[in-house]
Every structure is written in structure tokens, then in C-alpha cells.
C-alpha atoms as a PDB file:
ATOM      1  CA  MET A   1     152.666-103.212  26.832  1.00  0.00           C
ATOM      2  CA  PRO A   2     152.687 -99.540  27.742  1.00  0.00           C
ATOM      3  CA  PHE A   3     149.934 -97.095  26.963  1.00  0.00           C
ATOM      4  CA  ASN A   4     149.727 -96.285  23.245  1.00  0.00           C
ATOM      5  CA  ARG A   5     149.417 -92.556  22.603  1.00  0.00           C
ATOM      6  CA  VAL A   6     148.527 -92.822  18.914  1.00  0.00           C
ATOM      7  CA  TYR A   7     145.205 -94.011  17.545  1.00  0.00           C
ATOM      8  CA  ILE A   8     145.832 -96.483  14.744  1.00  0.00           C
ATOM      9  CA  ASP A   9     143.672 -96.281  11.661  1.00  0.00           C
ATOM     10  CA  ASN A  10     144.774 -99.612  10.174  1.00  0.00           C
ATOM     11  CA  GLU A  11     142.700-101.638  12.578  1.00  0.00           C
ATOM     12  CA  PRO A  12     143.016-105.406  12.907  1.00  0.00           C
ATOM     13  CA  THR A  13     140.104-107.558  11.817  1.00  0.00           C
ATOM     14  CA  ARG A  14     137.658-108.923  14.349  1.00  0.00           C
ATOM     15  CA  ALA A  15     139.030-112.424  13.684  1.00  0.00           C
ATOM     16  CA  GLU A  16     142.554-111.201  14.491  1.00  0.00           C
ATOM     17  CA  VAL A  17     141.352-109.621  17.726  1.00  0.00           C
ATOM     18  CA  ASP A  18     139.400-112.729  18.713  1.00  0.00           C
ATOM     19  CA  ALA A  19     142.545-114.824  18.187  1.00  0.00           C
ATOM     20  CA  MET A  20     144.738-112.690  20.465  1.00  0.00           C
ATOM     21  CA  PRO A  21     145.609-114.934  23.399  1.00  0.00           C
ATOM     22  CA  GLY A  22     146.592-112.492  26.123  1.00  0.00           C
ATOM     23  CA  PRO A  23     144.694-109.854  28.066  1.00  0.00           C
ATOM     24  CA  LEU A  24     143.852-106.860  25.897  1.00  0.00           C
ATOM     25  CA  VAL A  25     142.180-103.468  26.189  1.00  0.00           C
ATOM     26  CA  ILE A  26     140.845-102.010  22.968  1.00  0.00           C
ATOM     27  CA  GLU A  27     140.174 -98.301  23.179  1.00  0.00           C
ATOM     28  CA  PHE A  28     137.852 -96.892  20.525  1.00  0.00           C
ATOM     29  CA  GLY A  29     137.910 -93.125  19.990  1.00  0.00           C
ATOM     30  CA  THR A  30     139.683 -90.307  18.182  1.00  0.00           C
ATOM     31  CA  ALA A  31     142.457 -87.864  18.999  1.00  0.00           C
ATOM     32  CA  TRP A  32     140.109 -84.868  18.764  1.00  0.00           C
ATOM     33  CA  CYS A  33     137.425 -86.312  21.088  1.00  0.00           C
ATOM     34  CA  GLY A  34     137.227 -84.342  24.342  1.00  0.00           C
ATOM     35  CA  HIS A  35     135.844 -87.323  26.274  1.00  0.00           C
ATOM     36  CA  CYS A  36     138.766 -89.434  25.008  1.00  0.00           C
ATOM     37  CA  GLN A  37     141.275 -86.812  26.076  1.00  0.00           C
ATOM     38  CA  ALA A  38     139.660 -86.586  29.519  1.00  0.00           C
ATOM     39  CA  ALA A  39     139.842 -90.368  30.061  1.00  0.00           C
ATOM     40  CA  GLU A  40     143.456 -90.700  28.888  1.00  0.00           C
ATOM     41  CA  PRO A  41     145.267 -89.949  32.196  1.00  0.00           C
ATOM     42  CA  ALA A  42     143.227 -92.521  34.136  1.00  0.00           C
ATOM     43  CA  LEU A  43     143.749 -95.213  31.519  1.00  0.00           C
ATOM     44  CA  ARG A  44     147.461 -94.446  31.272  1.00  0.00           C
ATOM     45  CA  ALA A  45     147.907 -94.717  35.041  1.00  0.00           C
ATOM     46  CA  ALA A  46     145.876 -97.917  35.279  1.00  0.00           C
ATOM     47  CA  LEU A  47     147.758 -99.623  32.441  1.00  0.00           C
ATOM     48  CA  ALA A  48     151.077 -98.723  34.070  1.00  0.00           C
ATOM     49  CA  ARG A  49     150.145-101.045  36.933  1.00  0.00           C
ATOM     50  CA  HIS A  50     149.240-103.907  34.568  1.00  0.00           C
ATOM     51  CA  PRO A  51     152.217-104.446  32.241  1.00  0.00           C
ATOM     52  CA  ALA A  52     150.913-107.833  31.060  1.00  0.00           C
ATOM     53  CA  VAL A  53     147.849-106.215  29.461  1.00  0.00           C
ATOM     54  CA  ASP A  54     148.155-105.133  25.836  1.00  0.00           C
ATOM     55  CA  HIS A  55     146.523-101.879  24.685  1.00  0.00           C
ATOM     56  CA  LEU A  56     145.202-101.110  21.215  1.00  0.00           C
ATOM     57  CA  ARG A  57     144.037 -97.594  20.527  1.00  0.00           C
ATOM     58  CA  ILE A  58     141.736 -97.722  17.506  1.00  0.00           C
ATOM     59  CA  GLU A  59     140.591 -94.646  15.603  1.00  0.00           C
ATOM     60  CA  ASP A  60     136.879 -95.201  15.266  1.00  0.00           C
ATOM     61  CA  GLY A  61     134.238 -93.680  13.058  1.00  0.00           C
ATOM     62  CA  ALA A  62     131.594 -94.373  10.465  1.00  0.00           C
ATOM     63  CA  GLY A  63     132.392 -97.395   8.351  1.00  0.00           C
ATOM     64  CA  ARG A  64     135.019 -98.761  10.742  1.00  0.00           C
ATOM     65  CA  ALA A  65     134.376-102.479  10.869  1.00  0.00           C
ATOM     66  CA  LEU A  66     136.027-103.289  14.191  1.00  0.00           C
ATOM     67  CA  GLY A  67     134.108-100.674  16.149  1.00  0.00           C
ATOM     68  CA  ARG A  68     130.853-101.750  14.552  1.00  0.00           C
ATOM     69  CA  SER A  69     131.557-105.396  15.398  1.00  0.00           C
ATOM     70  CA  PHE A  70     131.816-104.349  19.060  1.00  0.00           C
ATOM     71  CA  LYS A  71     128.704-102.141  18.716  1.00  0.00           C
ATOM     72  CA  VAL A  72     130.593 -98.999  19.760  1.00  0.00           C
ATOM     73  CA  LYS A  73     128.269 -96.003  19.973  1.00  0.00           C
ATOM     74  CA  LEU A  74     130.150 -93.449  22.106  1.00  0.00           C
ATOM     75  CA  TRP A  75     133.800 -92.525  22.593  1.00  0.00           C
ATOM     76  CA  PRO A  76     135.819 -93.522  24.332  1.00  0.00           C
ATOM     77  CA  THR A  77     134.712 -97.103  24.678  1.00  0.00           C
ATOM     78  CA  PHE A  78     137.151 -99.476  26.373  1.00  0.00           C
ATOM     79  CA  VAL A  79     136.632-103.168  25.671  1.00  0.00           C
ATOM     80  CA  PHE A  80     138.501-105.537  27.999  1.00  0.00           C
ATOM     81  CA  LEU A  81     139.242-108.928  26.421  1.00  0.00           C
ATOM     82  CA  ALA A  82     140.712-112.159  27.748  1.00  0.00           C
ATOM     83  CA  LYS A  83     141.383-114.994  25.306  1.00  0.00           C
ATOM     84  CA  GLY A  84     139.268-113.228  22.696  1.00  0.00           C
ATOM     85  CA  GLY A  85     136.221-112.902  24.947  1.00  0.00           C
ATOM     86  CA  GLU A  86     134.869-109.668  26.356  1.00  0.00           C
ATOM     87  CA  VAL A  87     135.000-109.560  30.157  1.00  0.00           C
ATOM     88  CA  ALA A  88     134.210-105.879  30.722  1.00  0.00           C
ATOM     89  CA  ARG A  89     133.339-102.679  28.892  1.00  0.00           C
ATOM     90  CA  LEU A  90     133.483 -99.042  29.937  1.00  0.00           C
ATOM     91  CA  VAL A  91     131.930 -96.165  28.042  1.00  0.00           C
ATOM     92  CA  ARG A  92     133.164 -92.654  28.803  1.00  0.00           C
ATOM     93  CA  PRO A  93     134.678 -93.442  32.185  1.00  0.00           C
ATOM     94  CA  THR A  94     135.276 -90.328  34.266  1.00  0.00           C
ATOM     95  CA  GLU A  95     137.151 -91.932  37.156  1.00  0.00           C
ATOM     96  CA  GLN A  96     140.057 -94.326  37.458  1.00  0.00           C
ATOM     97  CA  GLU A  97     138.459 -96.880  39.795  1.00  0.00           C
ATOM     98  CA  PRO A  98     136.218 -98.552  37.165  1.00  0.00           C
ATOM     99  CA  ILE A  99     139.240 -98.888  34.865  1.00  0.00           C
ATOM    100  CA  ASP A 100     141.271-100.483  37.663  1.00  0.00           C
ATOM    101  CA  ASP A 101     138.391-102.862  38.432  1.00  0.00           C
ATOM    102  CA  ALA A 102     138.085-103.945  34.800  1.00  0.00           C
ATOM    103  CA  LEU A 103     141.843-104.458  34.468  1.00  0.00           C
ATOM    104  CA  ALA A 104     141.813-106.596  37.611  1.00  0.00           C
ATOM    105  CA  LEU A 105     139.448-108.979  35.803  1.00  0.00           C
ATOM    106  CA  LEU A 106     142.030-109.359  33.026  1.00  0.00           C
ATOM    107  CA  ALA A 107     145.208-109.697  35.022  1.00  0.00           C
ATOM    108  CA  PRO A 108     144.460-110.564  38.644  1.00  0.00           C
ATOM    109  CA  GLU A 109     148.087-111.636  39.209  1.00  0.00           C
ATOM    110  CA  ASP A 110     149.217-108.048  38.518  1.00  0.00           C
ATOM    111  CA  ASN A 111     147.172-106.640  41.384  1.00  0.00           C
ATOM    112  CA  PRO A 112     149.291-105.188  44.187  1.00  0.00           C
END
């Protein structure tokens, strides 16, 4: 799945996320967040090399159940899931390498 540009505000439930079978990156943030905007190019480039990894971009904020269930405190927070289990997490990444490393844990067969 390609990079999703739009943050969705109709988030799935935690049970729905936990039941997703394939590799998944959930990005918690908002469109107006400067840290989120700064991390976008690195995430976009990294996801382009891992087409088997799904990407959900969730608009987070007070009272948002999914973000609270993952204990999100800062934006952006990237949660890397495989078979419903968290395998990595990045908070406010500033470089592409940590994103690439986390994606490699999800989809090692995609690595060049």
C-alpha cells in the first residue's frame, strides 16, 4: 500500500487493528504538526521500498481511543505491527535510517 497523505479521523478500533494480519505501520499525528510534516518525506521514501506494508495515518488528539490504547504522547509516533503485535516504535524520527530498520523487521523479504 502506498503512503497515505491524508490523516483519517474515523479511526479503526484497537480490536480491528489487532486483527489485521499483514505488516502495518500506524502513524499518529496531525496535518498541522511541524514534526509530522518534517518526518513525512523519510516515511514516504521508506514505504516506497516496502510495498507489502500497509500504512494507516491516524489523526490523533485528546479523546482518541486508538492513540490512547497505544499510549501515544508525542507526534508523530509510528507503530510498526506484524500480526497485530508491536515490533517497533519510533517517536519523532528525524532521519530515514531508523524507519528503514523498523520496516525491515516487518517485511524482511522486501529488503533489497
